[in-house]
Protein backbone atom coordinates (compact mmCIF):
# COMPACT_ATOMS: atom_id res chain seq x y z
CA MET A 1 25.38 56.99 -100.12
CA PHE A 2 29.10 56.58 -100.76
CA VAL A 3 28.47 53.31 -102.63
CA THR A 4 25.64 54.81 -104.67
CA ILE A 5 27.74 57.81 -105.71
CA SER A 6 30.64 55.48 -106.59
CA ILE A 7 28.35 53.37 -108.83
CA GLY A 8 26.92 56.49 -110.46
CA SER A 9 30.43 57.78 -111.13
CA TYR A 10 31.41 54.42 -112.68
CA LEU A 11 28.37 54.41 -114.94
CA LEU A 12 29.06 58.01 -115.96
CA VAL A 13 32.69 57.22 -116.86
CA SER A 14 31.67 54.03 -118.71
CA GLY A 15 29.11 55.89 -120.78
CA LEU A 16 26.19 53.88 -119.47
CA TYR A 17 23.94 56.91 -119.37
CA PRO A 18 20.57 55.16 -119.35
CA TYR A 19 21.37 53.65 -115.97
CA GLU A 20 22.05 57.13 -114.56
CA ILE A 21 18.31 57.77 -114.72
CA VAL A 22 17.89 55.21 -111.94
CA ILE A 23 20.98 56.12 -109.88
CA ILE A 24 20.50 59.93 -109.77
CA PRO A 25 17.05 59.86 -107.98
CA ILE A 26 18.53 57.39 -105.45
CA ILE A 27 21.48 59.77 -104.81
CA ILE A 28 19.09 62.73 -104.39
CA ILE A 29 16.93 60.78 -101.91
CA GLN A 30 20.01 59.73 -99.93
CA VAL A 31 21.38 63.31 -99.80
CA ILE A 32 18.02 64.59 -98.55
CA ASP A 33 17.89 61.80 -95.96
CA PHE A 34 21.47 62.62 -94.89
CA PHE A 35 20.55 66.30 -94.47
CA LYS A 36 17.43 65.38 -92.46
CA PHE A 37 19.52 63.14 -90.23
CA HIS A 38 21.98 65.94 -89.40
CA LYS A 39 19.16 68.44 -89.01
CA LYS A 40 17.52 66.06 -86.55
CA ALA A 41 20.78 65.78 -84.60
CA GLN A 42 21.13 69.58 -84.56
CA ASP A 43 17.57 69.93 -83.27
CA GLU A 44 18.32 67.41 -80.51
CA VAL A 45 21.45 69.37 -79.50
CA ALA A 46 19.49 72.66 -79.64
CA GLN A 47 16.83 71.21 -77.32
CA PHE A 48 19.49 70.00 -74.91
CA VAL A 49 21.24 73.40 -74.92
CA GLU A 50 17.89 75.09 -74.26
CA SER A 51 17.20 72.81 -71.29
CA VAL A 52 20.66 73.61 -69.89
CA HIS A 53 20.14 77.34 -70.45
CA TYR A 54 16.85 77.34 -68.52
CA ARG A 55 18.13 74.72 -66.06
CA ASP A 56 15.28 72.42 -67.04
CA PHE A 57 16.92 69.10 -66.26
CA SER A 58 13.59 67.31 -66.10
CA ARG A 59 13.46 66.93 -69.93
CA TYR A 60 13.74 63.34 -71.12
CA PHE A 61 14.97 62.31 -74.58
CA ASP A 62 13.24 59.18 -75.88
CA VAL A 63 15.97 56.64 -76.65
CA LYS A 64 13.83 53.61 -77.45
CA HIS A 65 11.94 55.17 -80.37
CA ALA A 66 14.85 57.20 -81.73
CA PRO A 67 16.71 56.26 -84.93
CA LEU A 68 19.55 53.87 -84.29
CA GLU A 69 22.13 56.55 -85.08
CA LEU A 70 20.61 59.03 -82.55
CA GLN A 71 20.14 56.60 -79.68
CA PRO A 72 23.71 57.10 -78.24
CA LEU A 73 23.29 60.89 -78.50
CA ARG A 74 19.95 60.87 -76.67
CA GLN A 75 21.28 58.49 -74.05
CA GLY A 76 24.21 60.86 -73.46
CA PHE A 77 21.85 63.80 -73.09
CA ASN A 78 19.75 61.87 -70.54
CA ASP A 79 22.86 60.95 -68.55
CA ILE A 80 24.03 64.57 -68.47
CA ASN A 81 20.55 65.76 -67.43
CA THR A 82 20.43 63.22 -64.62
CA THR A 83 23.86 64.27 -63.34
CA MET A 84 23.00 67.98 -63.55
CA LYS A 85 19.70 67.33 -61.78
CA VAL A 86 21.54 65.68 -58.88
CA ILE A 87 24.10 68.52 -58.70
CA SER A 88 21.35 71.18 -58.84
CA LYS A 89 19.38 69.42 -56.11
CA GLU A 90 22.44 69.17 -53.87
CA LYS A 91 23.27 72.82 -54.49
CA GLU A 92 19.70 73.93 -53.71
CA THR A 93 19.66 71.80 -50.57
CA GLN A 94 22.94 73.33 -49.39
CA TYR A 95 21.66 76.83 -50.15
CA GLN A 96 18.41 76.26 -48.26
CA TYR A 97 20.33 74.70 -45.36
CA LEU A 98 22.77 77.62 -45.19
CA GLN A 99 19.96 80.16 -45.49
CA LYS A 100 18.02 78.56 -42.62
CA ILE A 101 21.14 78.58 -40.45
CA LEU A 102 21.76 82.27 -41.19
CA GLU A 103 18.12 83.08 -40.41
CA LEU A 104 18.28 81.27 -37.07
CA VAL A 105 21.47 82.88 -35.72
CA ASP A 106 21.18 86.02 -33.60
CA THR A 107 23.97 87.69 -35.55
CA GLY A 108 22.84 90.11 -38.25
CA ILE A 109 24.44 89.49 -41.67
CA LEU A 110 24.61 91.87 -44.63
CA SER A 111 26.17 91.23 -48.04
CA TYR A 112 26.59 93.91 -50.72
CA GLU A 113 28.54 94.49 -53.94
CA MET A 114 31.46 96.78 -53.16
CA GLU A 115 31.47 98.64 -56.48
CA THR A 116 27.78 99.55 -56.72
CA GLY A 117 26.75 99.14 -53.07
CA GLU A 118 23.79 96.96 -54.10
CA VAL A 119 22.60 94.81 -51.19
CA VAL A 120 22.58 91.14 -52.18
CA TRP A 121 21.22 89.67 -48.98
CA MET A 122 20.35 90.55 -45.37
CA ASN A 123 18.92 88.15 -42.81
CA GLU A 124 15.95 88.63 -40.50
CA SER A 125 18.17 89.13 -37.44
CA LEU A 126 19.69 92.23 -39.04
CA LYS A 127 16.26 93.58 -39.99
CA LYS A 128 15.11 93.22 -36.38
CA LEU A 129 18.36 94.58 -34.96
CA LEU A 130 18.33 97.77 -37.04
CA GLN A 131 14.52 97.96 -37.39
CA ILE A 132 14.94 98.11 -41.19
CA PRO A 133 12.57 96.08 -43.40
CA TYR A 134 14.61 96.46 -46.59
CA LEU A 135 17.79 98.00 -48.01
CA LYS A 136 18.27 98.38 -51.75
CA THR A 137 21.84 99.63 -51.42
CA ILE A 138 24.22 100.02 -48.51
CA HIS A 139 24.20 103.78 -49.21
CA SER A 140 20.50 103.88 -48.22
CA LEU A 141 21.63 103.24 -44.64
CA SER A 142 23.27 106.68 -44.52
CA LYS A 143 19.82 108.33 -44.42
CA ARG A 144 18.77 106.24 -41.43
CA ASP A 145 22.02 106.06 -39.45
CA TRP A 146 24.95 108.07 -40.84
CA ASN A 147 27.40 107.09 -38.07
CA LEU A 148 26.78 103.35 -38.50
CA TYR A 149 27.00 103.68 -42.31
CA HIS A 150 30.35 105.45 -41.99
CA GLU A 151 31.67 102.75 -39.64
CA ILE A 152 30.64 99.99 -42.07
CA MET A 153 32.20 101.68 -45.10
CA SER A 154 35.49 102.32 -43.28
CA LEU A 155 35.62 98.91 -41.57
CA PRO A 156 38.87 97.12 -42.59
CA LEU A 157 38.45 93.60 -43.92
CA GLY A 158 39.24 90.86 -41.43
CA GLN A 159 38.94 93.18 -38.43
CA SER A 160 36.27 93.89 -35.81
CA ILE A 161 35.21 97.15 -34.20
CA ILE A 162 32.51 98.24 -31.74
CA ALA A 163 30.16 100.83 -33.26
CA THR A 164 27.00 102.58 -32.11
CA ALA A 165 23.69 101.98 -33.88
CA HIS A 166 20.65 104.24 -33.52
CA HIS A 167 16.92 103.80 -33.96
CA ASP A 168 13.92 105.51 -32.37
CA LYS A 169 16.28 108.07 -30.76
CA SER A 170 17.94 105.29 -28.74
CA ALA A 171 21.43 103.87 -29.19
CA PHE A 172 23.08 100.49 -28.65
CA LYS A 173 26.52 98.99 -29.23
CA VAL A 174 27.18 96.51 -32.05
CA LEU A 175 30.28 94.49 -32.87
CA LEU A 176 31.04 94.80 -36.61
CA SER A 177 33.14 92.22 -38.48
CA ALA A 178 33.81 92.19 -42.22
CA THR A 179 35.22 89.93 -44.93
CA ALA A 180 35.19 89.98 -48.73
CA PHE A 181 34.88 87.45 -51.56
CA HIS A 182 35.02 87.42 -55.38
CA THR A 183 32.52 85.68 -57.63
CA GLU A 184 31.69 86.12 -61.34
CA GLY A 185 34.16 88.97 -61.60
CA LYS A 186 32.50 91.01 -58.84
CA LYS A 187 33.72 91.77 -55.32
CA TYR A 188 31.34 91.49 -52.38
CA LYS A 189 31.65 92.58 -48.75
CA LEU A 190 30.07 90.51 -45.99
CA VAL A 191 29.42 92.32 -42.69
CA ALA A 192 28.33 90.66 -39.43
CA PHE A 193 26.45 92.66 -36.75
CA GLN A 194 26.34 91.42 -33.17
CA ASN A 195 24.47 93.29 -30.44
CA VAL A 196 26.94 93.54 -27.55
CA ASN A 197 25.08 96.23 -25.62
CA GLU A 198 23.86 93.83 -22.93
CA ALA A 199 27.26 92.13 -22.64
CA LEU A 200 29.01 95.49 -22.25
CA ASP A 201 26.42 96.65 -19.72
CA GLU A 202 26.86 93.46 -17.70
CA THR A 203 30.66 93.76 -17.77
CA GLU A 204 30.49 97.43 -16.79
CA SER A 205 28.00 96.68 -14.02
CA LYS A 206 30.21 93.94 -12.54
CA ALA A 207 33.22 96.26 -12.70
CA TRP A 208 31.31 98.98 -10.85
CA GLN A 209 30.09 96.48 -8.27
CA ARG A 210 33.65 95.31 -7.56
CA LEU A 211 34.87 98.90 -7.35
CA LEU A 212 32.02 99.94 -5.05
CA SER A 213 32.56 96.91 -2.85
CA VAL A 214 36.24 97.77 -2.37
CA MET A 215 35.55 101.48 -1.92
CA THR A 216 32.75 101.10 0.64
CA HIS A 217 34.79 98.53 2.55
CA GLU A 218 37.86 100.78 2.70
CA ILE A 219 35.86 103.91 3.50
CA MET A 220 33.97 102.25 6.34
CA ASN A 221 37.11 100.66 7.76
CA SER A 222 38.91 104.00 7.69
CA ILE A 223 36.11 106.29 8.85
CA ALA A 224 34.57 104.09 11.58
CA PRO A 225 37.56 104.50 13.97
CA ILE A 226 37.64 108.26 13.31
CA SER A 227 33.93 108.54 14.15
CA SER A 228 34.40 106.45 17.28
CA LEU A 229 37.46 108.44 18.37
CA SER A 230 35.73 111.77 17.78
CA SER A 231 32.80 110.62 19.96
CA THR A 232 35.21 109.62 22.71
CA LEU A 233 37.07 112.94 22.53
CA LYS A 234 33.81 114.83 22.65
CA ASN A 235 32.76 112.97 25.80
CA ILE A 236 36.12 113.76 27.40
CA LEU A 237 35.70 117.42 26.54
CA GLU A 238 32.21 117.47 28.04
CA GLN A 239 33.56 116.03 31.25
CA SER A 240 36.42 118.57 31.34
CA ARG A 241 34.29 121.64 30.65
CA ASP A 242 34.00 122.61 34.36
CA ASN A 243 37.80 122.52 34.83
CA VAL A 244 38.54 124.95 32.01
CA SER A 245 39.56 128.42 33.10
CA PRO A 246 37.83 131.45 31.51
CA LYS A 247 41.16 132.31 29.93
CA ASN A 248 41.20 129.06 27.90
CA SER A 249 37.45 128.89 27.22
CA SER A 250 37.87 130.25 23.68
CA ASN A 251 40.39 127.55 22.78
CA PHE A 252 38.14 124.96 24.39
CA GLU A 253 35.20 126.03 22.23
CA ASP A 254 37.35 125.91 19.07
CA LEU A 255 38.50 122.42 20.00
CA GLU A 256 34.94 121.31 20.68
CA LEU A 257 33.76 122.75 17.34
CA GLY A 258 36.55 120.96 15.48
CA ILE A 259 35.75 117.61 17.06
CA ASN A 260 32.05 118.08 16.34
CA THR A 261 32.90 118.79 12.69
CA ILE A 262 35.05 115.65 12.45
CA LYS A 263 32.27 113.60 14.05
CA THR A 264 29.57 114.98 11.73
CA ARG A 265 31.61 114.51 8.54
CA SER A 266 32.74 111.01 9.47
CA GLU A 267 29.14 109.97 10.21
CA GLY A 268 28.11 111.47 6.86
CA LEU A 269 30.80 109.46 5.05
CA LEU A 270 29.70 106.28 6.83
CA LYS A 271 26.09 106.90 5.78
CA PHE A 272 27.26 107.62 2.21
CA ALA A 273 29.22 104.34 2.06
CA GLU A 274 26.33 102.38 3.57
CA THR A 275 24.00 103.79 0.92
CA TYR A 276 26.23 102.58 -1.93
CA ARG A 277 26.42 99.16 -0.36
CA ASN A 278 22.82 98.71 -1.47
CA LEU A 279 24.06 98.34 -5.03
CA ASN A 280 25.72 95.06 -4.14
CA LYS A 281 23.02 93.60 -1.90
CA ILE A 282 20.64 92.59 -4.67
CA THR A 283 21.82 89.37 -6.31
CA THR A 284 18.78 87.23 -7.20
CA PRO A 285 15.29 88.58 -7.95
CA ASN A 286 12.21 86.77 -6.66
CA LEU A 287 10.43 86.33 -10.01
CA SER A 288 6.69 85.82 -10.39
CA LYS A 289 3.96 86.58 -12.94
CA VAL A 290 2.59 90.06 -12.38
CA TYR A 291 0.02 92.14 -14.26
CA ILE A 292 1.37 95.51 -15.37
CA ARG A 293 -2.01 97.04 -14.56
CA ASP A 294 -1.41 96.11 -10.89
CA LEU A 295 2.01 97.78 -10.95
CA PHE A 296 0.52 100.92 -12.46
CA GLU A 297 -2.34 100.96 -9.96
CA ASN A 298 0.12 100.73 -7.06
CA MET A 299 2.19 103.56 -8.53
CA HIS A 300 -0.89 105.75 -8.95
CA THR A 301 -2.03 105.13 -5.38
CA LEU A 302 1.45 105.78 -3.99
CA MET A 303 2.31 108.89 -6.00
CA GLU A 304 -1.12 110.54 -6.23
CA PRO A 305 -0.76 112.71 -3.06
CA THR A 306 2.62 114.05 -4.19
CA LEU A 307 1.37 114.71 -7.72
CA GLU A 308 -1.72 116.57 -6.47
CA GLN A 309 0.37 118.61 -4.06
CA LYS A 310 2.74 119.69 -6.83
CA ASN A 311 -0.10 120.09 -9.37
CA ILE A 312 1.41 117.56 -11.78
CA GLU A 313 -0.76 115.51 -14.11
CA MET A 314 0.18 111.85 -14.65
CA ASP A 315 -1.55 109.88 -17.42
CA ILE A 316 -1.49 106.08 -17.49
CA ILE A 317 -1.90 104.31 -20.85
CA LEU A 318 -2.25 100.52 -21.04
CA LYS A 319 -3.98 99.30 -24.20
CA ASP A 320 -3.72 95.63 -23.19
CA PRO A 321 -5.02 95.14 -19.61
CA ASP A 322 -3.78 91.53 -19.63
CA LEU A 323 -0.16 92.45 -20.33
CA MET A 324 2.07 90.61 -17.87
CA LEU A 325 5.69 90.47 -16.74
CA GLU A 326 7.80 87.85 -15.04
CA ALA A 327 9.48 90.08 -12.48
CA ASP A 328 10.28 90.80 -8.84
CA THR A 329 7.40 93.13 -7.92
CA ASN A 330 9.24 94.90 -5.10
CA LEU A 331 12.31 95.60 -7.21
CA ILE A 332 10.39 96.81 -10.26
CA GLU A 333 8.23 99.05 -8.09
CA GLN A 334 11.45 100.48 -6.67
CA VAL A 335 12.61 101.26 -10.22
CA LEU A 336 9.27 102.85 -11.15
CA ILE A 337 9.19 104.98 -7.98
CA ASN A 338 12.72 106.18 -8.65
CA LEU A 339 11.94 107.14 -12.26
CA ILE A 340 8.63 108.84 -11.38
CA VAL A 341 10.35 110.83 -8.61
CA ASN A 342 12.99 111.89 -11.12
CA ALA A 343 10.23 112.91 -13.56
CA ILE A 344 8.52 114.95 -10.83
CA GLU A 345 11.81 116.73 -10.21
CA ALA A 346 12.30 117.29 -13.96
CA VAL A 347 8.90 118.95 -14.57
CA LYS A 348 8.90 121.28 -11.57
CA GLU A 349 9.82 124.27 -13.77
CA SER A 350 7.39 123.37 -16.59
CA ALA A 351 4.36 125.57 -17.23
CA ASP A 352 2.12 122.53 -17.73
CA PRO A 353 3.87 119.65 -15.88
CA HIS A 354 2.94 116.30 -17.31
CA ILE A 355 4.12 112.69 -16.78
CA LEU A 356 3.13 109.70 -18.92
CA LEU A 357 3.29 106.10 -17.69
CA SER A 358 2.62 103.50 -20.40
CA ALA A 359 3.33 99.90 -21.41
CA TYR A 360 3.27 98.06 -24.73
CA VAL A 361 4.89 95.25 -26.73
CA SER A 362 7.55 96.38 -29.21
CA PRO A 363 7.90 95.01 -32.79
CA ASN A 364 10.74 92.75 -31.62
CA HIS A 365 8.38 91.19 -29.03
CA LYS A 366 9.85 92.90 -25.96
CA THR A 367 7.59 94.28 -23.25
CA ILE A 368 8.27 97.98 -22.69
CA ILE A 369 7.35 100.16 -19.71
CA LYS A 370 7.82 103.84 -20.52
CA ILE A 371 8.04 106.79 -18.12
CA ALA A 372 8.05 110.09 -20.03
CA ASP A 373 7.92 113.73 -18.91
CA ASN A 374 7.81 117.17 -20.51
CA GLY A 375 10.55 118.59 -18.33
CA ALA A 376 13.77 120.40 -19.18
CA GLY A 377 15.41 117.38 -20.81
CA MET A 378 19.11 116.55 -20.90
CA PRO A 379 21.87 117.26 -23.43
CA GLU A 380 23.11 114.27 -25.44
CA GLU A 381 26.54 114.23 -23.78
CA LEU A 382 24.95 113.43 -20.41
CA LEU A 383 22.90 110.44 -21.59
CA ASP A 384 25.84 108.02 -21.47
CA LYS A 385 26.80 109.14 -17.95
CA ILE A 386 23.56 109.14 -15.98
CA PHE A 387 23.72 105.39 -15.21
CA ILE A 388 27.26 105.64 -13.79
CA PRO A 389 27.43 105.39 -9.97
CA PHE A 390 28.31 108.70 -8.22
CA PHE A 391 27.16 110.73 -11.26
CA SER A 392 24.14 112.98 -10.77
CA THR A 393 22.64 115.97 -12.57
CA LYS A 394 21.00 117.13 -9.33
CA LYS A 395 22.80 119.37 -6.87
CA THR A 396 21.69 117.19 -3.95
CA GLY A 397 21.69 113.87 -5.83
CA SER A 398 23.75 110.89 -4.68
CA GLY A 399 24.04 109.28 -8.11
CA ILE A 400 22.69 105.98 -6.80
CA GLY A 401 19.12 105.90 -8.19
CA LEU A 402 19.65 105.22 -11.90
CA SER A 403 22.62 102.93 -11.20
CA LEU A 404 20.37 100.83 -9.00
CA CYS A 405 17.61 100.88 -11.66
CA LYS A 406 20.03 99.60 -14.27
CA GLN A 407 21.29 96.83 -12.02
CA ILE A 408 17.73 95.72 -11.22
CA MET A 409 16.84 95.61 -14.94
CA MET A 410 19.95 93.56 -15.69
CA LEU A 411 18.94 91.10 -12.96
CA HIS A 412 15.69 90.71 -14.92
CA LYS A 413 17.66 90.00 -18.16
CA GLY A 414 16.40 93.32 -19.49
CA ASN A 415 17.79 96.82 -19.88
CA ILE A 416 16.93 100.47 -19.43
CA GLN A 417 17.27 103.10 -22.15
CA VAL A 418 16.79 106.84 -22.20
CA GLN A 419 15.70 109.38 -24.81
CA SER A 420 15.92 113.08 -24.11
CA ASN A 421 15.80 116.44 -25.89
CA VAL A 422 16.66 119.69 -24.20
CA GLY A 423 13.53 121.75 -23.67
CA GLU A 424 11.22 118.90 -24.73
CA GLY A 425 11.50 116.26 -22.02
CA THR A 426 12.88 112.83 -21.19
CA ALA A 427 11.64 109.26 -21.55
CA PHE A 428 12.98 106.14 -19.85
CA MET A 429 12.18 102.73 -21.36
CA LEU A 430 12.34 99.53 -19.30
CA GLN A 431 12.77 96.64 -21.74
CA PHE A 432 11.89 93.14 -20.57
């Protein structure tokens, strides 16, 4: 085109106008062809930009049948597409790999934008842990569990705290850890939730066992000689009764009464210490497959006379007759007896005393045995204390029953939880 225009210019300057008739159409054709060439190149670039915009790196630009001038451009586009395809595939693979890992771990993970509170991602472990199928924003959690929401929002970055989570009127401890990251001009907070309820229970149980072991040992070592000595002194007094003059008989009786009191109290302390020793005797359960229906039948047979005598109705609900446990039958029956006896005590003032014994499988695939009553219930501040050894809400209680129940459940790799409302009743759940 440059040569043609140069020739046309020369002919125009030289005055050879007739020849311009031939040159001008050639120049017009070449200009149109030049425009079409650049338009074609622009269309190729537009197609490539579109494929990048929609991340369609599968598009192939035909190099072989392209004009010679466009072949390097198309080849470059193909090379870029191939490279981007490899990068995208690697990125997708890494994302899928990371996502699978986060779905497999037991730790719950939640990510949300700090400015708007919009939840970006939460894994299945967190959904199961909090019994929440979906969260649109982190602020939605405040309606379900205000205390946990407040702990999350106030959790300092890079630190960990132990908080209490609630669902279905029950509570459990979770370890919260948080970090933050920036991407695309937005700041996100990543929070990890780890259920430490069982670990804390196990640590607490071992601490109580060590304390009880030391206490019962020291009590028995200290009281046994006193009990023995008081028995000896009493025998000596019995032998000396005939030699006591009427004048000193009053003093003799006071002395005898005092020794009898020492003997009685020391024997009571020994019995008390021996009772608490039972907490440390159970170390390994004898596990076997057992039908829950058999456990319930034994409980009904055992408790029926007492229930009839006290005019208490006990309903048993078991929707799946084939529901089974891997448990030590004797130990679990001991737990059930203890809880039913407690329920009988709780409903004694009720106008229509009622106890419910049931079993089912929870949404998180745990087998639950539930003992519920319509008794007086307990205030919330007592619920964290009732499993502590020595603590009892009964005037004549020893505080051993629920402590022993908790230890037995922990030996079965399970736990025991309680729900209670004053004036409405109490429910204990054994989770296997």
